[in-house]
Amino acid sequence: MRKVSFILSLLFSILLQQSLHAQLQARTPVQPDTMPQIEWITLEEALTKSVEEPKKIMLDFYTEWCRWCERMDKTTFRHPAIVSFINENFYPVKFDAERNDIIVFQEKKYAQRRAGKRAYHELAIEMLRGRMSFPSVVFLDESTEIIQCLVGFKTPDQLMQLVKYFAEDHYKETPWTSYCKRFQAKGVFVDEE
C-alpha cells in the first residue's frame, strides 16, 4: 500500500511540474534576437565580392573549444558600434582554424594538417604565421595581402581603435603608437559614439 501511495504521489508531482513548466513557457514569449549582428560570410564569398567591389577583409580565426573566442562573439562582436563599422568597412569572415576542407587562396590549395596535438587548417597556420592562438583577427587589404594579424581577446574599445586604424588606411602612414595617442586624444571610444 505504501508503494502504491508513493508511486501515485511521485506521478502527481511529475505531472504538476510538467504542467507548471508548460504554463511558464506559454507566458514567456520567445523574443527574436534583436541585437545587431556582424554579417559574417565565407572566405570564398568575400574574395568574390572583393573582385566586384574592392574592400578590406577581416578574418576572425576561432576554434570550437576557445572560450575567449566565445566571449568575443558574445560581447565585442555584438557591440552596435563595432557591428556597424565592420559591416560597413570590411567583408567579415569567420574562419574555424580546425576546419577540414580544401580552400584555394591566391592560387594555392590549403587543407587541414596536423600541427602538434591538434589538426589546423593550413590557411590558418599561414595567416597566423604558425602562432596558433585564439581568437586571432587578420586584416587583408583590397589585394588580399595580409596587413596585420592580431592575437587575443579585444574589448569593443580596443577593437574599434584597431578596425579604424586599418579601415581608414592610417596604418600606411602613421605608426601605431602615434595613432593611439591621437585616437585617445580625440576621446573617440565606442561607448561615446
C-alpha atoms as a PDB file:
ATOM      1  CA  MET A   1       0.000   0.000   0.000  1.00  0.00           C
ATOM      2  CA  ARG A   2       2.835   2.371   0.840  1.00  0.00           C
ATOM      3  CA  LYS A   3       4.465   1.651  -2.509  1.00  0.00           C
ATOM      4  CA  VAL A   4       1.270   2.450  -4.396  1.00  0.00           C
ATOM      5  CA  SER A   5       0.810   5.657  -2.448  1.00  0.00           C
ATOM      6  CA  PHE A   6       4.457   6.635  -3.077  1.00  0.00           C
ATOM      7  CA  ILE A   7       4.196   5.936  -6.826  1.00  0.00           C
ATOM      8  CA  LEU A   8       0.944   7.897  -7.098  1.00  0.00           C
ATOM      9  CA  SER A   9       2.416  10.910  -5.288  1.00  0.00           C
ATOM     10  CA  LEU A  10       5.539  10.729  -7.479  1.00  0.00           C
ATOM     11  CA  LEU A  11       3.423  10.632 -10.650  1.00  0.00           C
ATOM     12  CA  PHE A  12       1.293  13.504  -9.358  1.00  0.00           C
ATOM     13  CA  SER A  13       4.368  15.664  -8.655  1.00  0.00           C
ATOM     14  CA  ILE A  14       5.825  14.921 -12.125  1.00  0.00           C
ATOM     15  CA  LEU A  15       2.529  15.881 -13.807  1.00  0.00           C
ATOM     16  CA  LEU A  16       2.288  19.034 -11.698  1.00  0.00           C
ATOM     17  CA  GLN A  17       5.864  20.008 -12.553  1.00  0.00           C
ATOM     18  CA  GLN A  18       5.263  19.464 -16.304  1.00  0.00           C
ATOM     19  CA  SER A  19       2.063  21.490 -16.127  1.00  0.00           C
ATOM     20  CA  LEU A  20       3.821  24.397 -14.396  1.00  0.00           C
ATOM     21  CA  HIS A  21       6.680  24.265 -16.891  1.00  0.00           C
ATOM     22  CA  ALA A  22       4.215  24.369 -19.813  1.00  0.00           C
ATOM     23  CA  GLN A  23       2.400  27.350 -18.274  1.00  0.00           C
ATOM     24  CA  LEU A  24       5.661  29.254 -17.808  1.00  0.00           C
ATOM     25  CA  GLN A  25       6.651  28.596 -21.408  1.00  0.00           C
ATOM     26  CA  ALA A  26       3.268  29.803 -22.627  1.00  0.00           C
ATOM     27  CA  ARG A  27       3.625  33.064 -20.635  1.00  0.00           C
ATOM     28  CA  THR A  28       7.167  33.784 -21.774  1.00  0.00           C
ATOM     29  CA  PRO A  29       7.062  34.831 -25.411  1.00  0.00           C
ATOM     30  CA  VAL A  30      10.099  33.920 -27.447  1.00  0.00           C
ATOM     31  CA  GLN A  31      11.959  37.131 -28.195  1.00  0.00           C
ATOM     32  CA  PRO A  32      13.705  37.320 -31.549  1.00  0.00           C
ATOM     33  CA  ASP A  33      17.378  38.206 -31.318  1.00  0.00           C
ATOM     34  CA  THR A  34      17.189  41.967 -31.777  1.00  0.00           C
ATOM     35  CA  MET A  35      20.874  42.634 -31.169  1.00  0.00           C
ATOM     36  CA  PRO A  36      22.731  43.804 -34.266  1.00  0.00           C
ATOM     37  CA  GLN A  37      24.948  41.175 -35.837  1.00  0.00           C
ATOM     38  CA  ILE A  38      28.018  41.156 -37.992  1.00  0.00           C
ATOM     39  CA  GLU A  39      27.144  39.822 -41.428  1.00  0.00           C
ATOM     40  CA  TRP A  40      29.702  37.016 -41.496  1.00  0.00           C
ATOM     41  CA  ILE A  41      30.392  35.460 -44.896  1.00  0.00           C
ATOM     42  CA  THR A  42      32.713  32.722 -46.124  1.00  0.00           C
ATOM     43  CA  LEU A  43      36.189  33.491 -47.394  1.00  0.00           C
ATOM     44  CA  GLU A  44      35.105  32.410 -50.865  1.00  0.00           C
ATOM     45  CA  GLU A  45      32.206  34.896 -50.790  1.00  0.00           C
ATOM     46  CA  ALA A  46      34.494  37.660 -49.520  1.00  0.00           C
ATOM     47  CA  LEU A  47      37.005  37.040 -52.319  1.00  0.00           C
ATOM     48  CA  THR A  48      34.251  37.089 -54.950  1.00  0.00           C
ATOM     49  CA  LYS A  49      32.704  40.282 -53.554  1.00  0.00           C
ATOM     50  CA  SER A  50      36.124  41.909 -53.279  1.00  0.00           C
ATOM     51  CA  VAL A  51      36.651  41.480 -57.026  1.00  0.00           C
ATOM     52  CA  GLU A  52      33.335  43.209 -57.760  1.00  0.00           C
ATOM     53  CA  GLU A  53      33.659  45.876 -55.056  1.00  0.00           C
ATOM     54  CA  PRO A  54      37.159  46.109 -53.510  1.00  0.00           C
ATOM     55  CA  LYS A  55      37.075  46.232 -49.739  1.00  0.00           C
ATOM     56  CA  LYS A  56      39.348  45.020 -46.972  1.00  0.00           C
ATOM     57  CA  ILE A  57      38.665  41.579 -45.488  1.00  0.00           C
ATOM     58  CA  MET A  58      38.651  40.898 -41.751  1.00  0.00           C
ATOM     59  CA  LEU A  59      39.086  37.240 -40.774  1.00  0.00           C
ATOM     60  CA  ASP A  60      38.174  36.086 -37.282  1.00  0.00           C
ATOM     61  CA  PHE A  61      40.084  32.850 -36.615  1.00  0.00           C
ATOM     62  CA  TYR A  62      38.480  30.764 -33.877  1.00  0.00           C
ATOM     63  CA  THR A  63      38.107  27.195 -32.632  1.00  0.00           C
ATOM     64  CA  GLU A  64      35.124  25.422 -31.101  1.00  0.00           C
ATOM     65  CA  TRP A  65      36.951  24.889 -27.794  1.00  0.00           C
ATOM     66  CA  CYS A  66      38.133  28.510 -27.395  1.00  0.00           C
ATOM     67  CA  ARG A  67      36.253  30.210 -24.549  1.00  0.00           C
ATOM     68  CA  TRP A  68      37.798  33.649 -25.294  1.00  0.00           C
ATOM     69  CA  CYS A  69      36.506  33.321 -28.869  1.00  0.00           C
ATOM     70  CA  GLU A  70      33.035  32.653 -27.468  1.00  0.00           C
ATOM     71  CA  ARG A  71      33.302  35.665 -25.179  1.00  0.00           C
ATOM     72  CA  MET A  72      34.419  37.921 -28.031  1.00  0.00           C
ATOM     73  CA  ASP A  73      31.452  36.686 -30.113  1.00  0.00           C
ATOM     74  CA  LYS A  74      29.006  37.454 -27.289  1.00  0.00           C
ATOM     75  CA  THR A  75      30.448  40.857 -26.323  1.00  0.00           C
ATOM     76  CA  THR A  76      32.789  42.662 -28.686  1.00  0.00           C
ATOM     77  CA  PHE A  77      31.304  41.353 -31.932  1.00  0.00           C
ATOM     78  CA  ARG A  78      27.799  42.228 -30.675  1.00  0.00           C
ATOM     79  CA  HIS A  79      28.516  45.849 -29.739  1.00  0.00           C
ATOM     80  CA  PRO A  80      26.350  48.043 -32.023  1.00  0.00           C
ATOM     81  CA  ALA A  81      29.176  50.434 -32.980  1.00  0.00           C
ATOM     82  CA  ILE A  82      31.525  47.540 -33.792  1.00  0.00           C
ATOM     83  CA  VAL A  83      28.856  45.701 -35.799  1.00  0.00           C
ATOM     84  CA  SER A  84      28.009  48.789 -37.823  1.00  0.00           C
ATOM     85  CA  PHE A  85      31.617  49.762 -38.526  1.00  0.00           C
ATOM     86  CA  ILE A  86      32.743  46.260 -39.518  1.00  0.00           C
ATOM     87  CA  ASN A  87      29.703  45.634 -41.744  1.00  0.00           C
ATOM     88  CA  GLU A  88      30.266  48.949 -43.493  1.00  0.00           C
ATOM     89  CA  ASN A  89      34.047  48.790 -43.961  1.00  0.00           C
ATOM     90  CA  PHE A  90      35.024  45.126 -44.281  1.00  0.00           C
ATOM     91  CA  TYR A  91      33.992  41.805 -45.684  1.00  0.00           C
ATOM     92  CA  PRO A  92      33.887  39.947 -42.352  1.00  0.00           C
ATOM     93  CA  VAL A  93      34.840  36.261 -42.415  1.00  0.00           C
ATOM     94  CA  LYS A  94      34.557  33.799 -39.540  1.00  0.00           C
ATOM     95  CA  PHE A  95      37.118  31.037 -40.044  1.00  0.00           C
ATOM     96  CA  ASP A  96      37.264  27.832 -37.971  1.00  0.00           C
ATOM     97  CA  ALA A  97      41.008  27.200 -37.710  1.00  0.00           C
ATOM     98  CA  GLU A  98      40.369  23.456 -37.367  1.00  0.00           C
ATOM     99  CA  ARG A  99      38.069  23.078 -40.356  1.00  0.00           C
ATOM    100  CA  ASN A 100      38.635  20.114 -42.610  1.00  0.00           C
ATOM    101  CA  ASP A 101      38.161  21.210 -46.205  1.00  0.00           C
ATOM    102  CA  ILE A 102      40.198  22.482 -49.128  1.00  0.00           C
ATOM    103  CA  ILE A 103      40.356  26.201 -49.855  1.00  0.00           C
ATOM    104  CA  VAL A 104      42.027  27.879 -52.791  1.00  0.00           C
ATOM    105  CA  PHE A 105      43.502  31.241 -51.844  1.00  0.00           C
ATOM    106  CA  GLN A 106      45.805  33.235 -54.117  1.00  0.00           C
ATOM    107  CA  GLU A 107      46.051  30.251 -56.482  1.00  0.00           C
ATOM    108  CA  LYS A 108      47.301  27.908 -53.750  1.00  0.00           C
ATOM    109  CA  LYS A 109      45.396  24.981 -52.193  1.00  0.00           C
ATOM    110  CA  TYR A 110      45.120  24.752 -48.424  1.00  0.00           C
ATOM    111  CA  ALA A 111      43.814  21.822 -46.362  1.00  0.00           C
ATOM    112  CA  GLN A 112      43.888  20.627 -42.782  1.00  0.00           C
ATOM    113  CA  ARG A 113      47.134  19.232 -41.386  1.00  0.00           C
ATOM    114  CA  ARG A 114      48.469  18.134 -38.036  1.00  0.00           C
ATOM    115  CA  ALA A 115      50.351  20.729 -36.003  1.00  0.00           C
ATOM    116  CA  GLY A 116      51.383  19.244 -32.680  1.00  0.00           C
ATOM    117  CA  LYS A 117      48.477  17.675 -30.783  1.00  0.00           C
ATOM    118  CA  ARG A 118      45.819  19.286 -32.960  1.00  0.00           C
ATOM    119  CA  ALA A 119      44.973  19.484 -36.636  1.00  0.00           C
ATOM    120  CA  TYR A 120      44.736  23.001 -38.054  1.00  0.00           C
ATOM    121  CA  HIS A 121      43.840  24.351 -41.457  1.00  0.00           C
ATOM    122  CA  GLU A 122      46.951  25.293 -43.446  1.00  0.00           C
ATOM    123  CA  LEU A 123      45.484  28.693 -44.335  1.00  0.00           C
ATOM    124  CA  ALA A 124      45.099  29.473 -40.625  1.00  0.00           C
ATOM    125  CA  ILE A 125      48.671  28.323 -39.977  1.00  0.00           C
ATOM    126  CA  GLU A 126      49.977  30.537 -42.769  1.00  0.00           C
ATOM    127  CA  MET A 127      47.938  33.647 -41.939  1.00  0.00           C
ATOM    128  CA  LEU A 128      48.667  33.341 -38.218  1.00  0.00           C
ATOM    129  CA  ARG A 129      52.335  32.722 -39.048  1.00  0.00           C
ATOM    130  CA  GLY A 130      52.268  29.484 -37.100  1.00  0.00           C
ATOM    131  CA  ARG A 131      51.148  31.183 -33.894  1.00  0.00           C
ATOM    132  CA  MET A 132      48.050  29.137 -33.190  1.00  0.00           C
ATOM    133  CA  SER A 133      46.447  31.312 -30.534  1.00  0.00           C
ATOM    134  CA  PHE A 134      42.760  32.171 -30.466  1.00  0.00           C
ATOM    135  CA  PRO A 135      40.917  34.360 -31.043  1.00  0.00           C
ATOM    136  CA  SER A 136      43.054  35.944 -33.756  1.00  0.00           C
ATOM    137  CA  VAL A 137      41.946  38.577 -36.242  1.00  0.00           C
ATOM    138  CA  VAL A 138      43.705  39.036 -39.578  1.00  0.00           C
ATOM    139  CA  PHE A 139      43.184  42.061 -41.811  1.00  0.00           C
ATOM    140  CA  LEU A 140      43.678  41.752 -45.570  1.00  0.00           C
ATOM    141  CA  ASP A 141      43.932  44.733 -47.893  1.00  0.00           C
ATOM    142  CA  GLU A 142      41.911  45.135 -51.078  1.00  0.00           C
ATOM    143  CA  SER A 143      44.527  42.995 -52.902  1.00  0.00           C
ATOM    144  CA  THR A 144      44.084  40.217 -50.291  1.00  0.00           C
ATOM    145  CA  GLU A 145      47.577  40.765 -48.880  1.00  0.00           C
ATOM    146  CA  ILE A 146      47.964  40.473 -45.117  1.00  0.00           C
ATOM    147  CA  ILE A 147      48.083  43.845 -43.381  1.00  0.00           C
ATOM    148  CA  GLN A 148      48.239  42.575 -39.809  1.00  0.00           C
ATOM    149  CA  CYS A 149      47.477  39.640 -37.553  1.00  0.00           C
ATOM    150  CA  LEU A 150      46.205  40.442 -34.055  1.00  0.00           C
ATOM    151  CA  VAL A 151      46.148  37.784 -31.362  1.00  0.00           C
ATOM    152  CA  GLY A 152      43.874  37.635 -28.340  1.00  0.00           C
ATOM    153  CA  PHE A 153      40.575  38.862 -26.972  1.00  0.00           C
ATOM    154  CA  LYS A 154      39.757  42.519 -27.693  1.00  0.00           C
ATOM    155  CA  THR A 155      37.235  44.703 -25.897  1.00  0.00           C
ATOM    156  CA  PRO A 156      34.928  46.882 -28.005  1.00  0.00           C
ATOM    157  CA  ASP A 157      37.135  49.947 -27.368  1.00  0.00           C
ATOM    158  CA  GLN A 158      40.303  48.077 -28.307  1.00  0.00           C
ATOM    159  CA  LEU A 159      38.773  46.603 -31.456  1.00  0.00           C
ATOM    160  CA  MET A 160      37.253  49.910 -32.571  1.00  0.00           C
ATOM    161  CA  GLN A 161      40.648  51.556 -32.392  1.00  0.00           C
ATOM    162  CA  LEU A 162      42.144  48.738 -34.467  1.00  0.00           C
ATOM    163  CA  VAL A 163      39.441  48.484 -37.128  1.00  0.00           C
ATOM    164  CA  LYS A 164      39.528  52.248 -37.701  1.00  0.00           C
ATOM    165  CA  TYR A 165      43.322  52.156 -37.967  1.00  0.00           C
ATOM    166  CA  PHE A 166      43.121  49.599 -40.779  1.00  0.00           C
ATOM    167  CA  ALA A 167      39.841  50.572 -42.481  1.00  0.00           C
ATOM    168  CA  GLU A 168      40.798  54.246 -42.764  1.00  0.00           C
ATOM    169  CA  ASP A 169      44.330  53.388 -44.022  1.00  0.00           C
ATOM    170  CA  HIS A 170      46.110  55.070 -41.097  1.00  0.00           C
ATOM    171  CA  TYR A 171      48.453  52.075 -40.994  1.00  0.00           C
ATOM    172  CA  LYS A 172      50.003  53.205 -44.295  1.00  0.00           C
ATOM    173  CA  GLU A 173      51.452  56.445 -42.900  1.00  0.00           C
ATOM    174  CA  THR A 174      51.005  56.574 -39.125  1.00  0.00           C
ATOM    175  CA  PRO A 175      52.880  54.377 -36.663  1.00  0.00           C
ATOM    176  CA  TRP A 176      50.553  52.547 -34.281  1.00  0.00           C
ATOM    177  CA  THR A 177      51.788  54.365 -31.148  1.00  0.00           C
ATOM    178  CA  SER A 178      51.238  57.792 -32.738  1.00  0.00           C
ATOM    179  CA  TYR A 179      47.789  56.772 -33.893  1.00  0.00           C
ATOM    180  CA  CYS A 180      46.884  55.536 -30.383  1.00  0.00           C
ATOM    181  CA  LYS A 181      47.820  58.890 -28.861  1.00  0.00           C
ATOM    182  CA  ARG A 182      45.715  60.788 -31.407  1.00  0.00           C
ATOM    183  CA  PHE A 183      42.813  58.355 -31.066  1.00  0.00           C
ATOM    184  CA  GLN A 184      42.768  58.721 -27.293  1.00  0.00           C
ATOM    185  CA  ALA A 185      43.216  62.499 -27.508  1.00  0.00           C
ATOM    186  CA  LYS A 186      40.086  62.710 -29.664  1.00  0.00           C
ATOM    187  CA  GLY A 187      38.202  60.806 -26.974  1.00  0.00           C
ATOM    188  CA  VAL A 188      36.606  58.579 -29.605  1.00  0.00           C
ATOM    189  CA  PHE A 189      35.530  55.356 -27.960  1.00  0.00           C
ATOM    190  CA  VAL A 190      32.676  53.073 -28.886  1.00  0.00           C
ATOM    191  CA  ASP A 191      30.595  53.877 -25.815  1.00  0.00           C
ATOM    192  CA  GLU A 192      30.636  57.584 -26.679  1.00  0.00           C
ATOM    193  CA  GLU A 193      29.734  57.345 -30.345  1.00  0.00           C
END
